[in-house]
C-alpha atoms as a PDB file:
ATOM      1  CA  MET A   1     191.770 113.200  88.584  1.00  0.00           C
ATOM      2  CA  ARG A   2     191.040 116.250  87.551  1.00  0.00           C
ATOM      3  CA  VAL A   3     189.638 116.207  84.025  1.00  0.00           C
ATOM      4  CA  LYS A   4     188.046 118.425  81.595  1.00  0.00           C
ATOM      5  CA  ILE A   5     186.879 118.351  78.214  1.00  0.00           C
ATOM      6  CA  VAL A   6     186.381 121.711  76.011  1.00  0.00           C
ATOM      7  CA  LYS A   7     183.233 121.483  73.572  1.00  0.00           C
ATOM      8  CA  PRO A   8     180.786 124.501  72.786  1.00  0.00           C
ATOM      9  CA  ARG A   9     177.591 123.746  73.904  1.00  0.00           C
ATOM     10  CA  THR A  10     174.184 125.330  73.888  1.00  0.00           C
ATOM     11  CA  GLU A  11     173.700 126.154  77.375  1.00  0.00           C
ATOM     12  CA  LYS A  12     176.020 127.272  80.162  1.00  0.00           C
ATOM     13  CA  VAL A  13     174.829 126.607  83.669  1.00  0.00           C
ATOM     14  CA  SER A  14     176.380 126.121  87.343  1.00  0.00           C
ATOM     15  CA  MET A  15     175.376 122.900  87.983  1.00  0.00           C
ATOM     16  CA  LYS A  16     176.778 119.618  88.915  1.00  0.00           C
ATOM     17  CA  LEU A  17     176.162 116.144  88.838  1.00  0.00           C
ATOM     18  CA  GLY A  18     177.259 113.173  90.939  1.00  0.00           C
ATOM     19  CA  ILE A  19     177.683 109.830  89.420  1.00  0.00           C
ATOM     20  CA  VAL A  20     177.853 106.349  91.354  1.00  0.00           C
ATOM     21  CA  SER A  21     177.597 103.349  89.979  1.00  0.00           C
ATOM     22  CA  ASP A  22     177.565  99.257  91.277  1.00  0.00           C
ATOM     23  CA  THR A  23     176.933 100.451  95.644  1.00  0.00           C
ATOM     24  CA  HIS A  24     175.626  96.281  95.598  1.00  0.00           C
ATOM     25  CA  ASP A  25     173.364  97.000  98.685  1.00  0.00           C
ATOM     26  CA  ASN A  26     176.447  97.603 100.146  1.00  0.00           C
ATOM     27  CA  PHE A  27     174.434 100.582 102.839  1.00  0.00           C
ATOM     28  CA  ASP A  28     177.109 102.588 104.353  1.00  0.00           C
ATOM     29  CA  LEU A  29     179.242 102.996 101.395  1.00  0.00           C
ATOM     30  CA  ALA A  30     175.667 104.181  99.549  1.00  0.00           C
ATOM     31  CA  GLU A  31     175.284 106.294 102.542  1.00  0.00           C
ATOM     32  CA  LYS A  32     178.525 108.040 102.400  1.00  0.00           C
ATOM     33  CA  ALA A  33     177.731 108.384  98.451  1.00  0.00           C
ATOM     34  CA  VAL A  34     174.903 110.636  99.209  1.00  0.00           C
ATOM     35  CA  SER A  35     176.468 112.530 101.948  1.00  0.00           C
ATOM     36  CA  PHE A  36     178.916 113.802  99.772  1.00  0.00           C
ATOM     37  CA  PHE A  37     176.483 114.867  96.672  1.00  0.00           C
ATOM     38  CA  GLU A  38     175.061 116.971  99.654  1.00  0.00           C
ATOM     39  CA  ASP A  39     177.345 118.097 100.678  1.00  0.00           C
ATOM     40  CA  GLN A  40     179.397 118.921  97.561  1.00  0.00           C
ATOM     41  CA  GLY A  41     176.350 120.557  96.378  1.00  0.00           C
ATOM     42  CA  CYS A  42     174.980 118.194  93.862  1.00  0.00           C
ATOM     43  CA  GLU A  43     172.152 119.354  92.743  1.00  0.00           C
ATOM     44  CA  LYS A  44     171.857 116.149  90.098  1.00  0.00           C
ATOM     45  CA  VAL A  45     173.218 112.341  90.551  1.00  0.00           C
ATOM     46  CA  VAL A  46     173.134 109.356  88.373  1.00  0.00           C
ATOM     47  CA  HIS A  47     173.687 105.570  89.236  1.00  0.00           C
ATOM     48  CA  CYS A  48     174.847 104.187  87.152  1.00  0.00           C
ATOM     49  CA  GLY A  49     172.925 100.707  87.799  1.00  0.00           C
ATOM     50  CA  ASP A  50     173.566  97.673  90.490  1.00  0.00           C
ATOM     51  CA  MET A  51     171.645  99.121  93.472  1.00  0.00           C
ATOM     52  CA  ILE A  52     170.639  95.833  93.453  1.00  0.00           C
ATOM     53  CA  CYS A  53     167.511  95.944  96.623  1.00  0.00           C
ATOM     54  CA  PRO A  54     164.984  98.568  96.760  1.00  0.00           C
ATOM     55  CA  ALA A  55     166.540  99.578 100.664  1.00  0.00           C
ATOM     56  CA  THR A  56     169.388 100.802  98.815  1.00  0.00           C
ATOM     57  CA  ALA A  57     168.078 102.635  96.293  1.00  0.00           C
ATOM     58  CA  GLU A  58     165.727 104.514  98.894  1.00  0.00           C
ATOM     59  CA  ILE A  59     169.419 105.515 100.248  1.00  0.00           C
ATOM     60  CA  PHE A  60     169.276 107.841  97.256  1.00  0.00           C
ATOM     61  CA  ASP A  61     165.521 109.865  97.822  1.00  0.00           C
ATOM     62  CA  ALA A  62     167.902 113.042  99.064  1.00  0.00           C
ATOM     63  CA  ASP A  63     168.154 116.259  98.356  1.00  0.00           C
ATOM     64  CA  PHE A  64     168.950 116.283  94.954  1.00  0.00           C
ATOM     65  CA  GLU A  65     167.480 114.729  90.807  1.00  0.00           C
ATOM     66  CA  PHE A  66     167.514 110.968  91.140  1.00  0.00           C
ATOM     67  CA  TYR A  67     168.733 109.248  87.870  1.00  0.00           C
ATOM     68  CA  ALA A  68     169.663 105.560  87.620  1.00  0.00           C
ATOM     69  CA  VAL A  69     169.069 103.210  85.170  1.00  0.00           C
ATOM     70  CA  ARG A  70     169.046  98.400  85.272  1.00  0.00           C
ATOM     71  CA  GLY A  71     172.333  97.054  86.290  1.00  0.00           C
ATOM     72  CA  ASN A  72     173.167  93.113  85.335  1.00  0.00           C
ATOM     73  CA  ASN A  73     171.691  92.408  89.265  1.00  0.00           C
ATOM     74  CA  ASP A  74     168.958  94.994  89.921  1.00  0.00           C
ATOM     75  CA  GLY A  75     166.550  92.314  89.173  1.00  0.00           C
ATOM     76  CA  GLU A  76     164.085  92.632  91.744  1.00  0.00           C
ATOM     77  CA  TRP A  77     160.740  93.561  90.401  1.00  0.00           C
ATOM     78  CA  LYS A  78     159.915  96.644  93.351  1.00  0.00           C
ATOM     79  CA  LEU A  79     163.421  98.600  92.435  1.00  0.00           C
ATOM     80  CA  LYS A  80     162.255 100.598  89.329  1.00  0.00           C
ATOM     81  CA  ASP A  81     158.872 101.386  91.309  1.00  0.00           C
ATOM     82  CA  THR A  82     161.057 102.457  94.466  1.00  0.00           C
ATOM     83  CA  VAL A  83     163.379 104.388  92.207  1.00  0.00           C
ATOM     84  CA  LYS A  84     159.745 105.957  90.003  1.00  0.00           C
ATOM     85  CA  LYS A  85     158.549 107.374  93.390  1.00  0.00           C
ATOM     86  CA  PHE A  86     160.795 110.026  94.099  1.00  0.00           C
ATOM     87  CA  GLY A  87     162.910 110.118  90.795  1.00  0.00           C
ATOM     88  CA  ASN A  88     163.680 109.014  87.206  1.00  0.00           C
ATOM     89  CA  TRP A  89     163.552 105.942  86.085  1.00  0.00           C
ATOM     90  CA  MET A  90     165.887 105.082  82.974  1.00  0.00           C
ATOM     91  CA  GLY A  91     165.584 101.437  82.081  1.00  0.00           C
ATOM     92  CA  ASN A  92     168.914  99.923  80.526  1.00  0.00           C
ATOM     93  CA  VAL A  93     169.800 103.229  78.577  1.00  0.00           C
ATOM     94  CA  GLY A  94     168.818 106.602  78.983  1.00  0.00           C
ATOM     95  CA  GLU A  95     169.895 109.451  77.627  1.00  0.00           C
ATOM     96  CA  LEU A  96     170.128 113.207  79.256  1.00  0.00           C
ATOM     97  CA  SER A  97     171.167 116.678  78.274  1.00  0.00           C
ATOM     98  CA  LEU A  98     171.888 119.115  80.885  1.00  0.00           C
ATOM     99  CA  GLY A  99     174.043 122.214  81.251  1.00  0.00           C
ATOM    100  CA  GLY A 100     173.951 122.204  77.357  1.00  0.00           C
ATOM    101  CA  TYR A 101     176.304 118.925  77.464  1.00  0.00           C
ATOM    102  CA  ARG A 102     175.053 114.851  75.947  1.00  0.00           C
ATOM    103  CA  PHE A 103     175.319 111.755  78.270  1.00  0.00           C
ATOM    104  CA  ALA A 104     174.657 108.604  77.900  1.00  0.00           C
ATOM    105  CA  VAL A 105     174.144 106.289  80.617  1.00  0.00           C
ATOM    106  CA  TYR A 106     174.066 102.461  81.035  1.00  0.00           C
ATOM    107  CA  HIS A 107     175.772  99.960  83.139  1.00  0.00           C
ATOM    108  CA  GLY A 108     177.964  98.542  80.607  1.00  0.00           C
ATOM    109  CA  THR A 109     177.353  95.115  80.974  1.00  0.00           C
ATOM    110  CA  ASP A 110     177.938  94.673  77.358  1.00  0.00           C
ATOM    111  CA  GLU A 111     181.654  96.489  76.311  1.00  0.00           C
ATOM    112  CA  GLU A 112     180.367  96.301  72.484  1.00  0.00           C
ATOM    113  CA  LEU A 113     177.511  98.329  73.458  1.00  0.00           C
ATOM    114  CA  ALA A 114     179.783 100.744  75.921  1.00  0.00           C
ATOM    115  CA  SER A 115     182.236 101.297  73.147  1.00  0.00           C
ATOM    116  CA  GLY A 116     179.101 102.167  70.129  1.00  0.00           C
ATOM    117  CA  LEU A 117     177.845 104.550  72.646  1.00  0.00           C
ATOM    118  CA  THR A 118     181.342 106.291  73.289  1.00  0.00           C
ATOM    119  CA  GLU A 119     181.771 106.261  69.563  1.00  0.00           C
ATOM    120  CA  SER A 120     178.595 107.223  68.430  1.00  0.00           C
ATOM    121  CA  GLY A 121     179.760 110.687  68.403  1.00  0.00           C
ATOM    122  CA  LYS A 122     176.493 111.884  69.829  1.00  0.00           C
ATOM    123  CA  TYR A 123     177.338 112.419  73.405  1.00  0.00           C
ATOM    124  CA  ASP A 124     180.178 114.677  75.378  1.00  0.00           C
ATOM    125  CA  TYR A 125     180.221 112.025  78.006  1.00  0.00           C
ATOM    126  CA  VAL A 126     178.811 108.225  78.530  1.00  0.00           C
ATOM    127  CA  LEU A 127     178.865 107.821  82.176  1.00  0.00           C
ATOM    128  CA  ARG A 128     179.297 103.837  82.910  1.00  0.00           C
ATOM    129  CA  GLY A 129     179.532 101.019  85.020  1.00  0.00           C
ATOM    130  CA  HIS A 130     179.891  97.611  85.508  1.00  0.00           C
ATOM    131  CA  THR A 131     183.956  96.681  85.945  1.00  0.00           C
ATOM    132  CA  HIS A 132     184.202  98.169  89.399  1.00  0.00           C
ATOM    133  CA  ARG A 133     187.218  99.926  88.206  1.00  0.00           C
ATOM    134  CA  LYS A 134     187.438 103.328  87.847  1.00  0.00           C
ATOM    135  CA  LYS A 135     188.318 104.865  83.897  1.00  0.00           C
ATOM    136  CA  VAL A 136     188.133 107.447  81.744  1.00  0.00           C
ATOM    137  CA  ALA A 137     188.691 107.360  78.450  1.00  0.00           C
ATOM    138  CA  GLU A 138     187.845 109.062  75.252  1.00  0.00           C
ATOM    139  CA  SER A 139     187.128 108.313  71.980  1.00  0.00           C
ATOM    140  CA  GLU A 140     188.996 108.190  68.881  1.00  0.00           C
ATOM    141  CA  ASN A 141     187.543 111.280  67.509  1.00  0.00           C
ATOM    142  CA  GLY A 142     187.878 113.042  71.259  1.00  0.00           C
ATOM    143  CA  GLU A 143     184.485 114.271  71.119  1.00  0.00           C
ATOM    144  CA  THR A 144     183.790 111.894  73.278  1.00  0.00           C
ATOM    145  CA  VAL A 145     184.536 110.591  77.473  1.00  0.00           C
ATOM    146  CA  GLU A 146     183.552 107.665  79.295  1.00  0.00           C
ATOM    147  CA  ILE A 147     183.519 108.508  82.845  1.00  0.00           C
ATOM    148  CA  ASN A 148     183.459 105.184  85.009  1.00  0.00           C
ATOM    149  CA  PRO A 149     183.134 105.873  88.791  1.00  0.00           C
ATOM    150  CA  GLY A 150     184.098 101.791  89.687  1.00  0.00           C
ATOM    151  CA  GLY A 151     182.095 100.501  92.138  1.00  0.00           C
ATOM    152  CA  VAL A 152     182.331  98.468  95.844  1.00  0.00           C
ATOM    153  CA  LYS A 153     185.343  96.790  96.246  1.00  0.00           C
ATOM    154  CA  LEU A 154     185.392  92.978  94.776  1.00  0.00           C
ATOM    155  CA  PRO A 155     187.362  90.211  96.417  1.00  0.00           C
ATOM    156  CA  PHE A 156     190.448  90.277  94.304  1.00  0.00           C
ATOM    157  CA  GLN A 157     190.753  94.126  94.086  1.00  0.00           C
ATOM    158  CA  GLU A 158     192.245  97.217  95.751  1.00  0.00           C
ATOM    159  CA  GLU A 159     190.318  99.678  94.566  1.00  0.00           C
ATOM    160  CA  GLU A 160     188.298 101.524  96.928  1.00  0.00           C
ATOM    161  CA  LEU A 161     184.570 102.705  95.496  1.00  0.00           C
ATOM    162  CA  HIS A 162     184.835 105.939  93.891  1.00  0.00           C
ATOM    163  CA  VAL A 163     182.189 108.731  92.861  1.00  0.00           C
ATOM    164  CA  VAL A 164     182.703 111.479  90.454  1.00  0.00           C
ATOM    165  CA  ILE A 165     181.644 114.958  90.528  1.00  0.00           C
ATOM    166  CA  ILE A 166     181.366 116.671  86.847  1.00  0.00           C
ATOM    167  CA  ASP A 167     181.091 120.670  87.644  1.00  0.00           C
ATOM    168  CA  LEU A 168     178.927 121.645  83.987  1.00  0.00           C
ATOM    169  CA  GLU A 169     179.780 124.860  84.253  1.00  0.00           C
ATOM    170  CA  ASP A 170     183.027 124.223  83.547  1.00  0.00           C
ATOM    171  CA  GLY A 171     183.198 120.746  81.856  1.00  0.00           C
ATOM    172  CA  GLU A 172     185.800 119.858  84.436  1.00  0.00           C
ATOM    173  CA  PHE A 173     185.159 116.261  86.572  1.00  0.00           C
ATOM    174  CA  ASP A 174     187.245 115.154  89.787  1.00  0.00           C
ATOM    175  CA  PHE A 175     187.137 111.487  90.786  1.00  0.00           C
ATOM    176  CA  HIS A 176     186.433 110.850  94.938  1.00  0.00           C
ATOM    177  CA  ARG A 177     187.011 108.055  97.196  1.00  0.00           C
ATOM    178  CA  LEU A 178     184.791 106.775  99.599  1.00  0.00           C
ATOM    179  CA  GLU A 179     186.286 104.463 102.029  1.00  0.00           C
ATOM    180  CA  GLU A 180     184.447 101.687 103.825  1.00  0.00           C
END
């Protein structure tokens, strides 16, 4: 699925942003995501929460700038400190400005908050996770796109882990399935 939003931006850059969520200590899939992002030339990567332990976070210490928010299962105290050694820990909710686009990053535990971020009109993209289901939704006013790359497959799901890459030069993005 290739999607594009067209909005005026303050700057135009050639950059790829990788998005992943809910890797839940699946080291193999986290390593596949990192390799995929590197192969695709992503300069920045956002993890939308639920890495779980510091060892999973360390996998993302790679050849890109890394950002992460806290997921509802990210309870280990050293996770934050581990991410801060090589990347950017954004707490429960983060904001980024990249390539002239405004991003909110949130795990998605509270659907009301996720919806509020999407409908606020403040962001071009809201990046989130939590549901383990890939999703693209537009705000009612069409100004914001909510993207959920999905997560590791839960016992009752058929969907594999996906990652998303946004091309910040033109705003287009694609979902890419990573198989176990």
